[in-house]
Amino acid sequence: MISIGVSPAIGIGQRALLVLSSHGNVLWDCVPVLDRKTRDRILELGGIKAICLSHPHFYTGMVEWSEALGGVPILLPQADLAYVTRTSEHIRPWLGDRYEVLPGITLHRLGGHFEGSCVLEWEAGAEQNGALLVGDTIQVVPAKGWVSFMYSFPNLIPLPAREVRRIASRVADIRFDRIYGAWKEKVISSKARESVARSAERYIRRLES
């Protein structure tokens, strides 16, 4: 997997992640700009089969990325299409809670942050133990081994306990050992599945106390 960022940072400074697989490559989330050097490097690596995004805050630039890389399909959950500000024939809506992008690479719609907020399951990640790419659908926090769940991170608006309980239940059915967040320092390198369960339990307990 390759991390793609912009320096100096633009906006909130998120990164994109390029997942490499024998079935083709997938771009997870987008950064706002794409230069020729980065495009050429991606093409050298075999290009990409699909662009997948965690939530609408990272939709900026997705059409430009698709067109620059040959009209790559942009897979968006039907639930968040209203947030698309630039339409494109390359946008491919999908329905439901699960969508297999390529063998071993699957989108899961968890909701919460947005109705269509997603994570990407990469079965071969973390040395075949499974990795979850989360954007900020699940937010890796500064305390080591912990995550949080918010309706709005900039405005510090929490999700209700019932939503966190539902998200935790969905994640419990996914096999993964590592989490990659939307920023380079936001990683839980091992036992991430347990971290999500423990964090959800703490979050719910505090809301309901």
N, C-alpha and C. Protein backbone atom coordinates (compact mmCIF):
# COMPACT_ATOMS: atom_id res chain seq x y z
N MET A 1 0.83 -1.19 0.00
CA MET A 1 0.00 0.00 0.00
C MET A 1 0.87 1.25 0.00
N ILE A 2 0.42 2.27 -0.71
CA ILE A 2 1.18 3.51 -0.84
C ILE A 2 0.32 4.68 -0.36
N SER A 3 0.89 5.52 0.49
CA SER A 3 0.22 6.72 0.98
C SER A 3 0.51 7.89 0.04
N ILE A 4 -0.52 8.65 -0.28
CA ILE A 4 -0.38 9.81 -1.17
C ILE A 4 -0.86 11.04 -0.43
N GLY A 5 0.01 12.04 -0.31
CA GLY A 5 -0.34 13.26 0.39
C GLY A 5 0.11 14.48 -0.37
N VAL A 6 -0.24 15.65 0.16
CA VAL A 6 0.13 16.93 -0.43
C VAL A 6 0.94 17.72 0.60
N SER A 7 2.07 18.25 0.18
CA SER A 7 2.91 19.06 1.06
C SER A 7 3.27 20.37 0.37
N PRO A 8 3.02 21.53 1.00
CA PRO A 8 2.33 21.69 2.29
C PRO A 8 0.87 21.27 2.20
N ALA A 9 0.30 20.95 3.34
CA ALA A 9 -1.05 20.40 3.38
C ALA A 9 -2.08 21.39 2.85
N ILE A 10 -3.10 20.86 2.20
CA ILE A 10 -4.25 21.64 1.73
C ILE A 10 -5.46 21.22 2.53
N GLY A 11 -6.27 22.19 2.96
CA GLY A 11 -7.47 21.87 3.72
C GLY A 11 -7.12 21.20 5.03
N ILE A 12 -7.67 20.01 5.27
CA ILE A 12 -7.43 19.31 6.53
C ILE A 12 -6.25 18.35 6.43
N GLY A 13 -5.60 18.31 5.27
CA GLY A 13 -4.35 17.55 5.15
C GLY A 13 -4.49 16.05 5.12
N GLN A 14 -5.64 15.55 4.68
CA GLN A 14 -5.83 14.09 4.63
C GLN A 14 -4.94 13.46 3.57
N ARG A 15 -4.81 12.15 3.65
CA ARG A 15 -4.06 11.40 2.65
C ARG A 15 -5.01 10.50 1.87
N ALA A 16 -4.55 10.08 0.70
CA ALA A 16 -5.18 8.99 -0.04
C ALA A 16 -4.32 7.76 0.15
N LEU A 17 -4.90 6.59 -0.05
CA LEU A 17 -4.17 5.34 0.08
C LEU A 17 -4.38 4.51 -1.19
N LEU A 18 -3.29 4.08 -1.79
CA LEU A 18 -3.34 3.26 -2.98
C LEU A 18 -3.10 1.81 -2.57
N VAL A 19 -4.14 0.99 -2.68
CA VAL A 19 -4.05 -0.43 -2.31
C VAL A 19 -3.67 -1.22 -3.55
N LEU A 20 -2.56 -1.94 -3.47
CA LEU A 20 -2.05 -2.73 -4.59
C LEU A 20 -2.45 -4.18 -4.41
N SER A 21 -3.00 -4.79 -5.45
CA SER A 21 -3.37 -6.20 -5.35
C SER A 21 -3.17 -6.88 -6.69
N SER A 22 -3.13 -8.21 -6.67
CA SER A 22 -2.94 -8.97 -7.90
C SER A 22 -4.15 -8.88 -8.83
N HIS A 23 -5.28 -8.43 -8.30
CA HIS A 23 -6.50 -8.28 -9.10
C HIS A 23 -6.67 -6.86 -9.63
N GLY A 24 -5.76 -5.97 -9.26
CA GLY A 24 -5.84 -4.57 -9.65
C GLY A 24 -5.71 -3.68 -8.43
N ASN A 25 -5.51 -2.41 -8.67
CA ASN A 25 -5.28 -1.45 -7.59
C ASN A 25 -6.52 -0.61 -7.33
N VAL A 26 -6.68 -0.20 -6.09
CA VAL A 26 -7.83 0.60 -5.68
C VAL A 26 -7.33 1.85 -4.95
N LEU A 27 -7.88 3.00 -5.31
CA LEU A 27 -7.56 4.25 -4.62
C LEU A 27 -8.61 4.50 -3.56
N TRP A 28 -8.15 4.66 -2.32
CA TRP A 28 -9.05 4.94 -1.19
C TRP A 28 -8.91 6.41 -0.81
N ASP A 29 -10.02 7.13 -0.90
CA ASP A 29 -10.08 8.57 -0.65
C ASP A 29 -9.22 9.34 -1.65
N CYS A 30 -9.38 10.65 -1.65
CA CYS A 30 -8.66 11.50 -2.60
C CYS A 30 -8.05 12.68 -1.86
N VAL A 31 -6.94 13.15 -2.36
CA VAL A 31 -6.43 14.46 -1.94
C VAL A 31 -6.89 15.47 -2.99
N PRO A 32 -6.87 16.77 -2.67
CA PRO A 32 -7.51 17.75 -3.55
C PRO A 32 -6.85 17.95 -4.91
N VAL A 33 -5.56 17.63 -5.03
CA VAL A 33 -4.86 17.88 -6.29
C VAL A 33 -4.11 16.63 -6.74
N LEU A 34 -3.86 16.55 -8.04
CA LEU A 34 -3.10 15.45 -8.62
C LEU A 34 -2.12 16.03 -9.62
N ASP A 35 -0.82 15.83 -9.37
CA ASP A 35 0.18 16.35 -10.31
C ASP A 35 0.60 15.25 -11.29
N ARG A 36 1.31 15.65 -12.33
CA ARG A 36 1.70 14.71 -13.38
C ARG A 36 2.60 13.60 -12.84
N LYS A 37 3.53 13.95 -11.94
CA LYS A 37 4.46 12.96 -11.41
C LYS A 37 3.71 11.85 -10.67
N THR A 38 2.74 12.24 -9.85
CA THR A 38 1.97 11.25 -9.10
C THR A 38 1.13 10.40 -10.05
N ARG A 39 0.49 11.05 -11.02
CA ARG A 39 -0.30 10.30 -11.99
C ARG A 39 0.55 9.28 -12.73
N ASP A 40 1.72 9.71 -13.18
CA ASP A 40 2.59 8.80 -13.94
C ASP A 40 3.05 7.63 -13.08
N ARG A 41 3.33 7.89 -11.81
CA ARG A 41 3.77 6.82 -10.91
C ARG A 41 2.65 5.80 -10.71
N ILE A 42 1.42 6.29 -10.54
CA ILE A 42 0.28 5.38 -10.38
C ILE A 42 0.09 4.53 -11.63
N LEU A 43 0.22 5.13 -12.79
CA LEU A 43 0.10 4.38 -14.04
C LEU A 43 1.21 3.34 -14.18
N GLU A 44 2.42 3.70 -13.73
CA GLU A 44 3.54 2.74 -13.77
C GLU A 44 3.24 1.52 -12.90
N LEU A 45 2.49 1.73 -11.84
CA LEU A 45 2.15 0.65 -10.92
C LEU A 45 0.94 -0.17 -11.40
N GLY A 46 0.44 0.16 -12.58
CA GLY A 46 -0.69 -0.59 -13.14
C GLY A 46 -2.00 0.16 -13.16
N GLY A 47 -1.97 1.45 -12.79
CA GLY A 47 -3.21 2.22 -12.76
C GLY A 47 -4.11 1.76 -11.63
N ILE A 48 -5.39 2.14 -11.72
CA ILE A 48 -6.34 1.74 -10.69
C ILE A 48 -7.62 1.23 -11.35
N LYS A 49 -8.28 0.31 -10.64
CA LYS A 49 -9.54 -0.26 -11.12
C LYS A 49 -10.75 0.52 -10.61
N ALA A 50 -10.58 1.18 -9.46
CA ALA A 50 -11.71 1.90 -8.88
C ALA A 50 -11.22 2.93 -7.89
N ILE A 51 -12.02 3.98 -7.72
CA ILE A 51 -11.84 4.98 -6.67
C ILE A 51 -12.97 4.78 -5.66
N CYS A 52 -12.61 4.62 -4.39
CA CYS A 52 -13.59 4.44 -3.31
C CYS A 52 -13.34 5.52 -2.27
N LEU A 53 -14.39 6.01 -1.66
CA LEU A 53 -14.24 7.12 -0.72
C LEU A 53 -15.00 6.86 0.57
N SER A 54 -14.42 7.35 1.66
CA SER A 54 -15.01 7.09 2.96
C SER A 54 -16.27 7.93 3.20
N HIS A 55 -16.28 9.18 2.72
CA HIS A 55 -17.43 10.06 2.99
C HIS A 55 -17.30 11.32 2.16
N PRO A 56 -18.36 12.14 2.07
CA PRO A 56 -18.38 13.28 1.15
C PRO A 56 -17.33 14.36 1.39
N HIS A 57 -16.78 14.48 2.60
CA HIS A 57 -15.75 15.49 2.82
C HIS A 57 -14.53 15.26 1.95
N PHE A 58 -14.35 14.03 1.45
CA PHE A 58 -13.20 13.71 0.61
C PHE A 58 -13.56 13.54 -0.86
N TYR A 59 -14.79 13.96 -1.24
CA TYR A 59 -15.18 13.86 -2.65
C TYR A 59 -14.46 14.87 -3.53
N THR A 60 -13.93 15.93 -2.94
CA THR A 60 -13.23 16.95 -3.72
C THR A 60 -12.13 16.32 -4.57
N GLY A 61 -12.16 16.60 -5.86
CA GLY A 61 -11.11 16.13 -6.74
C GLY A 61 -11.31 14.74 -7.31
N MET A 62 -12.35 14.03 -6.89
CA MET A 62 -12.49 12.63 -7.32
C MET A 62 -12.71 12.52 -8.82
N VAL A 63 -13.44 13.44 -9.40
CA VAL A 63 -13.68 13.38 -10.85
C VAL A 63 -12.39 13.68 -11.62
N GLU A 64 -11.63 14.66 -11.15
CA GLU A 64 -10.33 14.97 -11.79
C GLU A 64 -9.39 13.76 -11.73
N TRP A 65 -9.35 13.09 -10.60
CA TRP A 65 -8.52 11.89 -10.46
C TRP A 65 -8.98 10.81 -11.44
N SER A 66 -10.29 10.59 -11.51
CA SER A 66 -10.82 9.57 -12.41
C SER A 66 -10.45 9.86 -13.86
N GLU A 67 -10.65 11.09 -14.28
CA GLU A 67 -10.38 11.44 -15.68
C GLU A 67 -8.90 11.37 -16.00
N ALA A 68 -8.05 11.81 -15.06
CA ALA A 68 -6.61 11.79 -15.30
C ALA A 68 -6.07 10.37 -15.41
N LEU A 69 -6.76 9.42 -14.79
CA LEU A 69 -6.29 8.04 -14.77
C LEU A 69 -7.07 7.15 -15.74
N GLY A 70 -7.77 7.78 -16.69
CA GLY A 70 -8.40 7.01 -17.77
C GLY A 70 -9.87 6.72 -17.60
N GLY A 71 -10.58 7.52 -16.82
CA GLY A 71 -12.01 7.29 -16.64
C GLY A 71 -12.33 6.15 -15.69
N VAL A 72 -11.64 6.14 -14.56
CA VAL A 72 -11.80 5.08 -13.57
C VAL A 72 -13.17 5.19 -12.88
N PRO A 73 -13.86 4.07 -12.65
CA PRO A 73 -15.13 4.13 -11.92
C PRO A 73 -14.96 4.70 -10.51
N ILE A 74 -15.87 5.58 -10.12
CA ILE A 74 -15.91 6.15 -8.77
C ILE A 74 -17.09 5.50 -8.07
N LEU A 75 -16.83 4.69 -7.08
CA LEU A 75 -17.88 3.93 -6.40
C LEU A 75 -18.38 4.71 -5.19
N LEU A 76 -19.62 5.16 -5.27
CA LEU A 76 -20.21 5.96 -4.18
C LEU A 76 -21.49 5.31 -3.70
N PRO A 77 -21.71 5.31 -2.38
CA PRO A 77 -22.99 4.78 -1.86
C PRO A 77 -24.14 5.68 -2.29
N GLN A 78 -25.23 5.06 -2.68
CA GLN A 78 -26.42 5.80 -3.10
C GLN A 78 -26.84 6.82 -2.05
N ALA A 79 -26.64 6.48 -0.79
CA ALA A 79 -27.11 7.33 0.31
C ALA A 79 -26.47 8.71 0.32
N ASP A 80 -25.28 8.87 -0.28
CA ASP A 80 -24.58 10.16 -0.21
C ASP A 80 -24.46 10.87 -1.56
N LEU A 81 -25.22 10.43 -2.54
CA LEU A 81 -25.12 11.06 -3.87
C LEU A 81 -25.54 12.52 -3.86
N ALA A 82 -26.38 12.91 -2.92
CA ALA A 82 -26.83 14.30 -2.85
C ALA A 82 -25.69 15.27 -2.58
N TYR A 83 -24.57 14.76 -2.06
CA TYR A 83 -23.43 15.62 -1.73
C TYR A 83 -22.46 15.78 -2.90
N VAL A 84 -22.71 15.12 -4.00
CA VAL A 84 -21.85 15.25 -5.17
C VAL A 84 -22.09 16.62 -5.82
N THR A 85 -21.03 17.42 -5.96
CA THR A 85 -21.16 18.75 -6.53
C THR A 85 -20.74 18.82 -7.99
N ARG A 86 -20.02 17.81 -8.46
CA ARG A 86 -19.67 17.73 -9.87
C ARG A 86 -20.04 16.34 -10.37
N THR A 87 -21.07 16.27 -11.18
CA THR A 87 -21.52 14.98 -11.69
C THR A 87 -20.54 14.46 -12.75
N SER A 88 -20.58 13.16 -12.96
CA SER A 88 -19.69 12.54 -13.93
C SER A 88 -20.26 11.19 -14.35
N GLU A 89 -20.03 10.83 -15.60
CA GLU A 89 -20.43 9.52 -16.07
C GLU A 89 -19.65 8.40 -15.40
N HIS A 90 -18.56 8.75 -14.73
CA HIS A 90 -17.72 7.74 -14.09
C HIS A 90 -18.21 7.37 -12.69
N ILE A 91 -19.17 8.11 -12.15
CA ILE A 91 -19.71 7.80 -10.83
C ILE A 91 -20.62 6.59 -10.93
N ARG A 92 -20.35 5.58 -10.10
CA ARG A 92 -21.13 4.34 -10.08
C ARG A 92 -21.77 4.18 -8.70
N PRO A 93 -23.05 4.50 -8.56
CA PRO A 93 -23.71 4.34 -7.26
C PRO A 93 -23.89 2.86 -6.91
N TRP A 94 -23.84 2.58 -5.61
CA TRP A 94 -24.13 1.22 -5.15
C TRP A 94 -25.05 1.27 -3.94
N LEU A 95 -25.83 0.21 -3.79
CA LEU A 95 -26.82 0.12 -2.73
C LEU A 95 -26.42 -0.94 -1.72
N GLY A 96 -27.01 -0.84 -0.55
CA GLY A 96 -26.77 -1.86 0.47
C GLY A 96 -25.68 -1.48 1.43
N ASP A 97 -25.22 -2.47 2.20
CA ASP A 97 -24.21 -2.23 3.24
C ASP A 97 -22.86 -2.82 2.89
N ARG A 98 -22.77 -3.55 1.77
CA ARG A 98 -21.53 -4.23 1.43
C ARG A 98 -21.37 -4.29 -0.08
N TYR A 99 -20.16 -4.00 -0.57
CA TYR A 99 -19.92 -4.03 -2.02
C TYR A 99 -18.50 -4.53 -2.26
N GLU A 100 -18.38 -5.64 -2.98
CA GLU A 100 -17.06 -6.18 -3.30
C GLU A 100 -16.48 -5.41 -4.48
N VAL A 101 -15.40 -4.69 -4.24
CA VAL A 101 -14.75 -3.89 -5.28
C VAL A 101 -13.92 -4.79 -6.18
N LEU A 102 -13.07 -5.61 -5.57
CA LEU A 102 -12.24 -6.61 -6.22
C LEU A 102 -12.13 -7.78 -5.24
N PRO A 103 -11.73 -8.95 -5.70
CA PRO A 103 -11.54 -10.05 -4.73
C PRO A 103 -10.61 -9.64 -3.59
N GLY A 104 -11.11 -9.78 -2.37
CA GLY A 104 -10.31 -9.43 -1.20
C GLY A 104 -10.35 -7.97 -0.81
N ILE A 105 -11.10 -7.15 -1.55
CA ILE A 105 -11.22 -5.71 -1.25
C ILE A 105 -12.69 -5.35 -1.27
N THR A 106 -13.24 -4.98 -0.11
CA THR A 106 -14.69 -4.82 0.03
C THR A 106 -15.04 -3.53 0.76
N LEU A 107 -16.02 -2.83 0.25
CA LEU A 107 -16.58 -1.65 0.92
C LEU A 107 -17.66 -2.08 1.90
N HIS A 108 -17.66 -1.44 3.08
CA HIS A 108 -18.71 -1.65 4.06
C HIS A 108 -19.30 -0.28 4.43
N ARG A 109 -20.59 -0.12 4.22
CA ARG A 109 -21.25 1.13 4.61
C ARG A 109 -21.64 1.03 6.08
N LEU A 110 -21.03 1.90 6.90
CA LEU A 110 -21.30 1.88 8.34
C LEU A 110 -22.20 3.03 8.79
N GLY A 111 -22.27 4.10 8.00
CA GLY A 111 -23.05 5.26 8.42
C GLY A 111 -22.39 5.97 9.59
N GLY A 112 -23.19 6.77 10.29
CA GLY A 112 -22.67 7.51 11.45
C GLY A 112 -22.28 8.91 11.07
N HIS A 113 -21.05 9.09 10.62
CA HIS A 113 -20.53 10.40 10.24
C HIS A 113 -21.39 10.99 9.11
N PHE A 114 -21.70 10.20 8.11
CA PHE A 114 -22.70 10.45 7.09
C PHE A 114 -23.50 9.16 6.94
N GLU A 115 -24.66 9.23 6.33
CA GLU A 115 -25.46 8.03 6.15
C GLU A 115 -24.71 6.99 5.32
N GLY A 116 -23.94 7.46 4.35
CA GLY A 116 -23.20 6.55 3.49
C GLY A 116 -21.75 6.33 3.88
N SER A 117 -21.33 6.79 5.03
CA SER A 117 -19.92 6.66 5.43
C SER A 117 -19.47 5.20 5.37
N CYS A 118 -18.27 5.01 4.78
CA CYS A 118 -17.78 3.66 4.50
C CYS A 118 -16.40 3.41 5.10
N VAL A 119 -16.07 2.15 5.19
CA VAL A 119 -14.71 1.70 5.43
C VAL A 119 -14.37 0.69 4.33
N LEU A 120 -13.08 0.47 4.11
CA LEU A 120 -12.64 -0.46 3.08
C LEU A 120 -11.88 -1.61 3.75
N GLU A 121 -12.38 -2.82 3.56
CA GLU A 121 -11.72 -4.01 4.07
C GLU A 121 -10.72 -4.52 3.03
N TRP A 122 -9.49 -4.73 3.48
CA TRP A 122 -8.43 -5.25 2.63
C TRP A 122 -7.92 -6.53 3.28
N GLU A 123 -8.36 -7.66 2.75
CA GLU A 123 -8.08 -8.94 3.39
C GLU A 123 -6.59 -9.27 3.47
N ALA A 124 -5.83 -8.84 2.45
CA ALA A 124 -4.39 -9.15 2.42
C ALA A 124 -3.55 -8.18 3.24
N GLY A 125 -4.16 -7.14 3.76
CA GLY A 125 -3.42 -6.14 4.52
C GLY A 125 -2.91 -6.69 5.84
N ALA A 126 -1.98 -5.97 6.45
CA ALA A 126 -1.41 -6.36 7.75
C ALA A 126 -0.88 -7.78 7.71
N GLU A 127 -0.07 -8.05 6.68
CA GLU A 127 0.56 -9.36 6.53
C GLU A 127 -0.48 -10.49 6.53
N GLN A 128 -1.53 -10.30 5.75
CA GLN A 128 -2.61 -11.28 5.56
C GLN A 128 -3.54 -11.39 6.77
N ASN A 129 -3.40 -10.53 7.76
CA ASN A 129 -4.28 -10.56 8.92
C ASN A 129 -5.48 -9.63 8.77
N GLY A 130 -5.51 -8.87 7.67
CA GLY A 130 -6.64 -7.99 7.40
C GLY A 130 -6.41 -6.58 7.90
N ALA A 131 -6.74 -5.61 7.05
CA ALA A 131 -6.65 -4.20 7.42
C ALA A 131 -7.95 -3.50 7.07
N LEU A 132 -8.26 -2.47 7.83
CA LEU A 132 -9.45 -1.66 7.60
C LEU A 132 -9.01 -0.22 7.36
N LEU A 133 -9.40 0.33 6.22
CA LEU A 133 -9.12 1.72 5.88
C LEU A 133 -10.37 2.51 6.20
N VAL A 134 -10.26 3.49 7.10
CA VAL A 134 -11.48 4.02 7.73
C VAL A 134 -11.76 5.49 7.45
N GLY A 135 -10.84 6.23 6.79
CA GLY A 135 -11.08 7.66 6.68
C GLY A 135 -11.27 8.24 8.06
N ASP A 136 -12.37 8.96 8.27
CA ASP A 136 -12.72 9.29 9.66
C ASP A 136 -14.12 8.81 10.01
N THR A 137 -14.57 7.75 9.30
CA THR A 137 -15.78 7.06 9.71
C THR A 137 -15.59 6.49 11.11
N ILE A 138 -14.42 5.92 11.33
CA ILE A 138 -13.93 5.57 12.67
C ILE A 138 -12.65 6.37 12.84
N GLN A 139 -12.56 7.18 13.87
CA GLN A 139 -11.43 8.10 14.01
C GLN A 139 -10.39 7.54 14.98
N VAL A 140 -9.17 7.35 14.48
CA VAL A 140 -8.06 6.96 15.35
C VAL A 140 -7.65 8.20 16.16
N VAL A 141 -7.63 8.08 17.47
CA VAL A 141 -7.37 9.22 18.36
C VAL A 141 -5.94 9.17 18.90
N PRO A 142 -5.46 10.25 19.53
CA PRO A 142 -4.08 10.28 20.01
C PRO A 142 -3.74 9.20 21.02
N ALA A 143 -4.68 8.81 21.88
CA ALA A 143 -4.40 7.76 22.86
C ALA A 143 -4.17 6.45 22.13
N LYS A 144 -3.03 5.84 22.35
CA LYS A 144 -2.64 4.64 21.60
C LYS A 144 -3.64 3.50 21.80
N GLY A 145 -4.10 2.95 20.66
CA GLY A 145 -4.99 1.80 20.71
C GLY A 145 -6.46 2.13 20.91
N TRP A 146 -6.83 3.40 20.70
CA TRP A 146 -8.22 3.80 20.89
C TRP A 146 -8.75 4.52 19.64
N VAL A 147 -10.07 4.45 19.46
CA VAL A 147 -10.74 5.17 18.38
C VAL A 147 -11.95 5.88 18.95
N SER A 148 -12.57 6.73 18.11
CA SER A 148 -13.80 7.37 18.52
C SER A 148 -14.75 7.45 17.33
N PHE A 149 -15.95 7.92 17.60
CA PHE A 149 -17.02 7.97 16.61
C PHE A 149 -17.73 9.30 16.79
N MET A 150 -17.84 10.09 15.72
CA MET A 150 -18.46 11.41 15.85
C MET A 150 -19.38 11.69 14.66
N TYR A 151 -20.43 12.44 14.93
CA TYR A 151 -21.25 12.96 13.84
C TYR A 151 -20.49 14.09 13.14
N SER A 152 -19.87 14.97 13.92
CA SER A 152 -19.06 16.06 13.37
C SER A 152 -17.81 16.22 14.20
N PHE A 153 -16.66 15.90 13.59
CA PHE A 153 -15.39 16.06 14.31
C PHE A 153 -15.02 17.52 14.52
N PRO A 154 -15.12 18.40 13.48
CA PRO A 154 -14.72 19.80 13.69
C PRO A 154 -15.57 20.50 14.75
N ASN A 155 -16.85 20.12 14.84
CA ASN A 155 -17.75 20.78 15.77
C ASN A 155 -17.97 19.99 17.06
N LEU A 156 -17.26 18.84 17.18
CA LEU A 156 -17.32 18.02 18.40
C LEU A 156 -18.74 17.60 18.75
N ILE A 157 -19.50 17.18 17.73
CA ILE A 157 -20.85 16.68 17.95
C ILE A 157 -20.80 15.16 17.96
N PRO A 158 -21.12 14.54 19.09
CA PRO A 158 -20.99 13.08 19.18
C PRO A 158 -22.13 12.34 18.48
N LEU A 159 -21.90 11.09 18.18
CA LEU A 159 -22.96 10.22 17.72
C LEU A 159 -23.73 9.68 18.92
N PRO A 160 -25.01 9.38 18.76
CA PRO A 160 -25.76 8.76 19.86
C PRO A 160 -25.28 7.33 20.09
N ALA A 161 -25.53 6.84 21.28
CA ALA A 161 -25.06 5.51 21.66
C ALA A 161 -25.60 4.43 20.73
N ARG A 162 -26.84 4.56 20.28
CA ARG A 162 -27.41 3.52 19.42
C ARG A 162 -26.65 3.40 18.11
N GLU A 163 -26.14 4.54 17.57
CA GLU A 163 -25.37 4.51 16.33
C GLU A 163 -24.01 3.86 16.54
N VAL A 164 -23.36 4.19 17.64
CA VAL A 164 -22.06 3.59 17.94
C VAL A 164 -22.21 2.09 18.17
N ARG A 165 -23.26 1.69 18.84
CA ARG A 165 -23.51 0.27 19.08
C ARG A 165 -23.71 -0.46 17.74
N ARG A 166 -24.45 0.16 16.82
CA ARG A 166 -24.69 -0.45 15.52
C ARG A 166 -23.40 -0.57 14.71
N ILE A 167 -22.59 0.49 14.70
CA ILE A 167 -21.32 0.47 13.98
C ILE A 167 -20.40 -0.61 14.55
N ALA A 168 -20.31 -0.68 15.86
CA ALA A 168 -19.46 -1.68 16.50
C ALA A 168 -19.91 -3.09 16.15
N SER A 169 -21.21 -3.30 16.08
CA SER A 169 -21.74 -4.61 15.73
C SER A 169 -21.37 -5.00 14.30
N ARG A 170 -21.43 -4.04 13.39
CA ARG A 170 -21.06 -4.30 12.00
C ARG A 170 -19.56 -4.61 11.88
N VAL A 171 -18.75 -3.84 12.56
CA VAL A 171 -17.29 -4.02 12.49
C VAL A 171 -16.88 -5.35 13.09
N ALA A 172 -17.61 -5.82 14.07
CA ALA A 172 -17.28 -7.09 14.72
C ALA A 172 -17.33 -8.26 13.76
N ASP A 173 -18.03 -8.11 12.65
CA ASP A 173 -18.15 -9.19 11.67
C ASP A 173 -17.05 -9.14 10.61
N ILE A 174 -16.15 -8.16 10.68
CA ILE A 174 -15.07 -8.01 9.70
C ILE A 174 -13.77 -8.50 10.33
N ARG A 175 -12.99 -9.25 9.57
CA ARG A 175 -11.70 -9.74 10.08
C ARG A 175 -10.61 -8.73 9.72
N PHE A 176 -9.99 -8.14 10.75
CA PHE A 176 -8.89 -7.20 10.52
C PHE A 176 -8.05 -7.07 11.78
N ASP A 177 -6.79 -6.75 11.58
CA ASP A 177 -5.87 -6.57 12.70
C ASP A 177 -5.32 -5.16 12.77
N ARG A 178 -5.44 -4.42 11.67
CA ARG A 178 -4.84 -3.08 11.59
C ARG A 178 -5.85 -2.08 11.04
N ILE A 179 -5.72 -0.83 11.49
CA ILE A 179 -6.54 0.26 10.98
C ILE A 179 -5.63 1.35 10.43
N TYR A 180 -6.00 1.84 9.24
CA TYR A 180 -5.35 3.01 8.65
C TYR A 180 -6.36 4.15 8.60
N GLY A 181 -6.06 5.25 9.29
CA GLY A 181 -6.94 6.40 9.28
C GLY A 181 -6.63 7.35 8.14
N ALA A 182 -7.23 8.52 8.18
CA ALA A 182 -7.14 9.47 7.08
C ALA A 182 -5.87 10.31 7.10
N TRP A 183 -5.06 10.20 8.16
CA TRP A 183 -3.81 10.95 8.26
C TRP A 183 -2.69 9.97 8.58
N LYS A 184 -1.48 10.30 8.19
CA LYS A 184 -0.39 9.33 8.24
C LYS A 184 -0.08 8.83 9.65
N GLU A 185 -0.32 9.65 10.66
CA GLU A 185 -0.03 9.21 12.02
C GLU A 185 -1.21 8.45 12.64
N LYS A 186 -2.32 8.36 11.92
CA LYS A 186 -3.53 7.73 12.46
C LYS A 186 -3.57 6.25 12.06
N VAL A 187 -2.82 5.44 12.77
CA VAL A 187 -2.73 4.01 12.49
C VAL A 187 -2.77 3.24 13.81
N ILE A 188 -3.53 2.16 13.83
CA ILE A 188 -3.43 1.18 14.91
C ILE A 188 -2.85 -0.06 14.26
N SER A 189 -1.61 -0.40 14.61
CA SER A 189 -0.85 -1.39 13.85
C SER A 189 -1.24 -2.83 14.15
N SER A 190 -1.82 -3.09 15.31
CA SER A 190 -2.23 -4.46 15.63
C SER A 190 -3.37 -4.45 16.65
N LYS A 191 -4.11 -5.53 16.66
CA LYS A 191 -5.26 -5.71 17.57
C LYS A 191 -6.28 -4.58 17.42
N ALA A 192 -6.43 -4.10 16.19
CA ALA A 192 -7.33 -2.97 15.95
C ALA A 192 -8.80 -3.36 16.12
N ARG A 193 -9.13 -4.58 15.79
CA ARG A 193 -10.53 -5.03 15.95
C ARG A 193 -10.94 -4.95 17.42
N GLU A 194 -10.05 -5.40 18.29
CA GLU A 194 -10.30 -5.30 19.73
C GLU A 194 -10.36 -3.84 20.17
N SER A 195 -9.55 -2.99 19.56
CA SER A 195 -9.54 -1.57 19.90
C SER A 195 -10.89 -0.93 19.60
N VAL A 196 -11.48 -1.27 18.46
CA VAL A 196 -12.79 -0.71 18.10
C VAL A 196 -13.85 -1.15 19.10
N ALA A 197 -13.87 -2.44 19.43
CA ALA A 197 -14.86 -2.95 20.38
C ALA A 197 -14.71 -2.30 21.75
N ARG A 198 -13.47 -2.20 22.22
CA ARG A 198 -13.20 -1.60 23.54
C ARG A 198 -13.58 -0.12 23.55
N SER A 199 -13.27 0.57 22.46
CA SER A 199 -13.56 2.01 22.37
C SER A 199 -15.07 2.26 22.31
N ALA A 200 -15.78 1.43 21.55
CA ALA A 200 -17.24 1.58 21.47
C ALA A 200 -17.88 1.34 22.82
N GLU A 201 -17.41 0.33 23.54
CA GLU A 201 -17.95 0.05 24.86
C GLU A 201 -17.74 1.23 25.80
N ARG A 202 -16.54 1.81 25.78
CA ARG A 202 -16.25 2.97 26.63
C ARG A 202 -17.12 4.15 26.25
N TYR A 203 -17.25 4.41 24.96
CA TYR A 203 -18.05 5.53 24.47
C TYR A 203 -19.50 5.40 24.93
N ILE A 204 -20.07 4.23 24.71
CA ILE A 204 -21.48 4.01 25.08
C ILE A 204 -21.66 4.12 26.59
N ARG A 205 -20.75 3.57 27.34
CA ARG A 205 -20.83 3.62 28.80
C ARG A 205 -20.85 5.05 29.32
N ARG A 206 -20.00 5.91 28.72
CA ARG A 206 -19.96 7.30 29.17
C ARG A 206 -21.25 8.05 28.78
N LEU A 207 -21.79 7.76 27.59
CA LEU A 207 -23.02 8.44 27.19
C LEU A 207 -24.21 8.03 28.03
N GLU A 208 -24.21 6.79 28.48
CA GLU A 208 -25.37 6.26 29.18
C GLU A 208 -25.22 6.31 30.69
N SER A 209 -24.10 6.83 31.17
CA SER A 209 -23.90 6.87 32.64
C SER A 209 -24.67 8.04 33.25
